[in-house]
Amino acid sequence: KGTTITFNRGDDVCLKVNVYDSEGQPYTLQSGDALYFSAKAKAKDSNYAIPPKKLELDSENAPVIHIEPKDTWDLEFGTYVYDVQMITAGGRSSTIIKPSPLVIEESITAYGDR
């Protein structure tokens, strides 16, 4: 099920994604499976606020959304929409997190590279 992601603009965000099969059982990623995260101002927009990013795997082989500071520095504060799509090794496509709110909040301190 989709969930709201909230963080400050310019933060380095890492979020673990749990993947389940159609029967609600945990799904273990197979060799060749890939998950992608992307965000837009509105779902119907043709331009991405955050272009598709392939999810990384953590030390336990769990997929992780990694939003880097450079991904959000130039975005306006506010609510966007994101989803996560899985492409299996066999070429099947499935949206595993339906379009959900991505809230980018104000940030006071801007430290680091932009």
C-alpha atoms as a PDB file:
ATOM      1  CA  LYS A   1       0.000   0.000   0.000  1.00  0.00           C
ATOM      2  CA  GLY A   2       1.247   3.495  -0.730  1.00  0.00           C
ATOM      3  CA  THR A   3       2.375   5.736   2.069  1.00  0.00           C
ATOM      4  CA  THR A   4       3.205   9.388   2.485  1.00  0.00           C
ATOM      5  CA  ILE A   5       6.887  10.322   2.448  1.00  0.00           C
ATOM      6  CA  THR A   6       7.771  13.579   4.201  1.00  0.00           C
ATOM      7  CA  PHE A   7      11.225  15.157   4.475  1.00  0.00           C
ATOM      8  CA  ASN A   8      13.021  18.488   4.224  1.00  0.00           C
ATOM      9  CA  ARG A   9      14.285  19.735   0.878  1.00  0.00           C
ATOM     10  CA  GLY A  10      17.950  18.840   0.425  1.00  0.00           C
ATOM     11  CA  ASP A  11      17.920  15.942   2.895  1.00  0.00           C
ATOM     12  CA  ASP A  12      19.611  12.616   2.159  1.00  0.00           C
ATOM     13  CA  VAL A  13      16.740  10.113   2.462  1.00  0.00           C
ATOM     14  CA  CYS A  14      16.956   6.301   2.465  1.00  0.00           C
ATOM     15  CA  LEU A  15      13.725   4.334   2.790  1.00  0.00           C
ATOM     16  CA  LYS A  16      13.428   0.554   2.788  1.00  0.00           C
ATOM     17  CA  VAL A  17      10.670  -0.862   0.571  1.00  0.00           C
ATOM     18  CA  ASN A  18       8.847  -4.060   1.487  1.00  0.00           C
ATOM     19  CA  VAL A  19       7.699  -6.072  -1.527  1.00  0.00           C
ATOM     20  CA  TYR A  20       4.832  -8.574  -1.349  1.00  0.00           C
ATOM     21  CA  ASP A  21       3.420 -11.022  -3.871  1.00  0.00           C
ATOM     22  CA  SER A  22      -0.229 -11.085  -4.964  1.00  0.00           C
ATOM     23  CA  GLU A  23      -1.114 -13.246  -1.939  1.00  0.00           C
ATOM     24  CA  GLY A  24       0.405 -10.793   0.551  1.00  0.00           C
ATOM     25  CA  GLN A  25       3.510 -12.881   1.234  1.00  0.00           C
ATOM     26  CA  PRO A  26       6.977 -11.265   1.319  1.00  0.00           C
ATOM     27  CA  TYR A  27       8.574 -11.370  -2.135  1.00  0.00           C
ATOM     28  CA  THR A  28      12.300 -11.973  -2.518  1.00  0.00           C
ATOM     29  CA  LEU A  29      13.753 -10.117  -5.467  1.00  0.00           C
ATOM     30  CA  GLN A  30      15.060 -12.426  -8.163  1.00  0.00           C
ATOM     31  CA  SER A  31      18.189 -11.865 -10.226  1.00  0.00           C
ATOM     32  CA  GLY A  32      17.241  -9.385 -12.938  1.00  0.00           C
ATOM     33  CA  ASP A  33      14.287  -7.832 -11.081  1.00  0.00           C
ATOM     34  CA  ALA A  34      14.486  -4.036 -10.791  1.00  0.00           C
ATOM     35  CA  LEU A  35      12.479  -1.436  -8.876  1.00  0.00           C
ATOM     36  CA  TYR A  36      12.179   2.217  -9.844  1.00  0.00           C
ATOM     37  CA  PHE A  37      11.057   5.292  -7.882  1.00  0.00           C
ATOM     38  CA  SER A  38       9.951   8.544  -9.502  1.00  0.00           C
ATOM     39  CA  ALA A  39       8.005  11.661  -8.534  1.00  0.00           C
ATOM     40  CA  LYS A  40       6.009  14.336 -10.332  1.00  0.00           C
ATOM     41  CA  ALA A  41       4.199  17.504  -9.285  1.00  0.00           C
ATOM     42  CA  LYS A  42       0.981  15.838 -10.480  1.00  0.00           C
ATOM     43  CA  ALA A  43       0.545  12.281 -11.757  1.00  0.00           C
ATOM     44  CA  LYS A  44      -0.659  13.463 -15.187  1.00  0.00           C
ATOM     45  CA  ASP A  45       2.404  15.693 -15.755  1.00  0.00           C
ATOM     46  CA  SER A  46       4.795  14.666 -18.499  1.00  0.00           C
ATOM     47  CA  ASN A  47       7.866  16.070 -16.685  1.00  0.00           C
ATOM     48  CA  TYR A  48       9.361  14.452 -13.610  1.00  0.00           C
ATOM     49  CA  ALA A  49      10.180  16.356 -10.416  1.00  0.00           C
ATOM     50  CA  ILE A  50      12.507  13.433  -9.579  1.00  0.00           C
ATOM     51  CA  PRO A  51      13.266  11.290 -12.663  1.00  0.00           C
ATOM     52  CA  PRO A  52      13.078   7.495 -12.355  1.00  0.00           C
ATOM     53  CA  LYS A  53      15.779   6.144 -10.040  1.00  0.00           C
ATOM     54  CA  LYS A  54      16.638   2.473  -9.734  1.00  0.00           C
ATOM     55  CA  LEU A  55      16.336   1.317  -6.134  1.00  0.00           C
ATOM     56  CA  GLU A  56      19.523   0.152  -4.473  1.00  0.00           C
ATOM     57  CA  LEU A  57      19.760  -2.992  -2.342  1.00  0.00           C
ATOM     58  CA  ASP A  58      20.859  -2.735   1.286  1.00  0.00           C
ATOM     59  CA  SER A  59      23.081  -5.235   3.118  1.00  0.00           C
ATOM     60  CA  GLU A  60      20.060  -7.543   3.584  1.00  0.00           C
ATOM     61  CA  ASN A  61      19.164  -7.401  -0.145  1.00  0.00           C
ATOM     62  CA  ALA A  62      16.115  -5.256   0.604  1.00  0.00           C
ATOM     63  CA  PRO A  63      15.309  -2.492  -1.901  1.00  0.00           C
ATOM     64  CA  VAL A  64      15.921   1.063  -0.692  1.00  0.00           C
ATOM     65  CA  ILE A  65      14.715   4.366  -2.146  1.00  0.00           C
ATOM     66  CA  HIS A  66      17.689   6.736  -1.978  1.00  0.00           C
ATOM     67  CA  ILE A  67      16.770  10.368  -2.539  1.00  0.00           C
ATOM     68  CA  GLU A  68      19.936  12.442  -2.641  1.00  0.00           C
ATOM     69  CA  PRO A  69      20.104  16.137  -1.669  1.00  0.00           C
ATOM     70  CA  LYS A  70      20.700  17.113  -5.316  1.00  0.00           C
ATOM     71  CA  ASP A  71      17.375  15.468  -6.260  1.00  0.00           C
ATOM     72  CA  THR A  72      15.353  18.069  -4.348  1.00  0.00           C
ATOM     73  CA  TRP A  73      17.470  21.259  -4.050  1.00  0.00           C
ATOM     74  CA  ASP A  74      15.644  22.980  -6.896  1.00  0.00           C
ATOM     75  CA  LEU A  75      12.122  21.773  -6.100  1.00  0.00           C
ATOM     76  CA  GLU A  76       9.491  24.033  -4.598  1.00  0.00           C
ATOM     77  CA  PHE A  77       8.228  23.170  -1.135  1.00  0.00           C
ATOM     78  CA  GLY A  78       4.950  21.293  -1.294  1.00  0.00           C
ATOM     79  CA  THR A  79       3.257  18.016  -2.080  1.00  0.00           C
ATOM     80  CA  TYR A  80       4.257  15.884  -5.056  1.00  0.00           C
ATOM     81  CA  VAL A  81       3.191  12.379  -6.027  1.00  0.00           C
ATOM     82  CA  TYR A  82       5.461   9.324  -6.301  1.00  0.00           C
ATOM     83  CA  ASP A  83       5.219   5.650  -7.075  1.00  0.00           C
ATOM     84  CA  VAL A  84       7.456   2.580  -7.207  1.00  0.00           C
ATOM     85  CA  GLN A  85       7.356   0.207 -10.143  1.00  0.00           C
ATOM     86  CA  MET A  86       8.888  -3.254 -10.423  1.00  0.00           C
ATOM     87  CA  ILE A  87      10.095  -4.743 -13.686  1.00  0.00           C
ATOM     88  CA  THR A  88      10.725  -8.476 -13.300  1.00  0.00           C
ATOM     89  CA  ALA A  89      13.565 -10.317 -14.984  1.00  0.00           C
ATOM     90  CA  GLY A  90      10.901 -11.708 -17.326  1.00  0.00           C
ATOM     91  CA  GLY A  91       9.777  -8.201 -18.343  1.00  0.00           C
ATOM     92  CA  ARG A  92       6.544  -7.973 -16.334  1.00  0.00           C
ATOM     93  CA  SER A  93       5.728  -4.531 -15.001  1.00  0.00           C
ATOM     94  CA  SER A  94       3.871  -3.949 -11.738  1.00  0.00           C
ATOM     95  CA  THR A  95       3.312  -0.797  -9.689  1.00  0.00           C
ATOM     96  CA  ILE A  96       4.057  -1.944  -6.144  1.00  0.00           C
ATOM     97  CA  ILE A  97       3.477   1.426  -4.466  1.00  0.00           C
ATOM     98  CA  LYS A  98       0.538   3.196  -6.059  1.00  0.00           C
ATOM     99  CA  PRO A  99       0.751   6.992  -6.534  1.00  0.00           C
ATOM    100  CA  SER A 100       1.189   8.458  -3.047  1.00  0.00           C
ATOM    101  CA  PRO A 101       2.021  11.856  -1.530  1.00  0.00           C
ATOM    102  CA  LEU A 102       5.644  13.018  -1.322  1.00  0.00           C
ATOM    103  CA  VAL A 103       5.843  16.109   0.884  1.00  0.00           C
ATOM    104  CA  ILE A 104       8.929  18.302   0.634  1.00  0.00           C
ATOM    105  CA  GLU A 105       9.055  20.613   3.616  1.00  0.00           C
ATOM    106  CA  GLU A 106      10.918  23.850   4.164  1.00  0.00           C
ATOM    107  CA  SER A 107      14.551  23.754   5.162  1.00  0.00           C
ATOM    108  CA  ILE A 108      16.467  26.507   6.912  1.00  0.00           C
ATOM    109  CA  THR A 109      20.043  25.277   6.868  1.00  0.00           C
ATOM    110  CA  ALA A 110      21.472  24.520   3.420  1.00  0.00           C
ATOM    111  CA  TYR A 111      24.731  22.706   4.112  1.00  0.00           C
ATOM    112  CA  GLY A 112      26.736  20.764   1.579  1.00  0.00           C
ATOM    113  CA  ASP A 113      27.011  20.693  -2.172  1.00  0.00           C
ATOM    114  CA  ARG A 114      24.139  21.792  -4.327  1.00  0.00           C
END
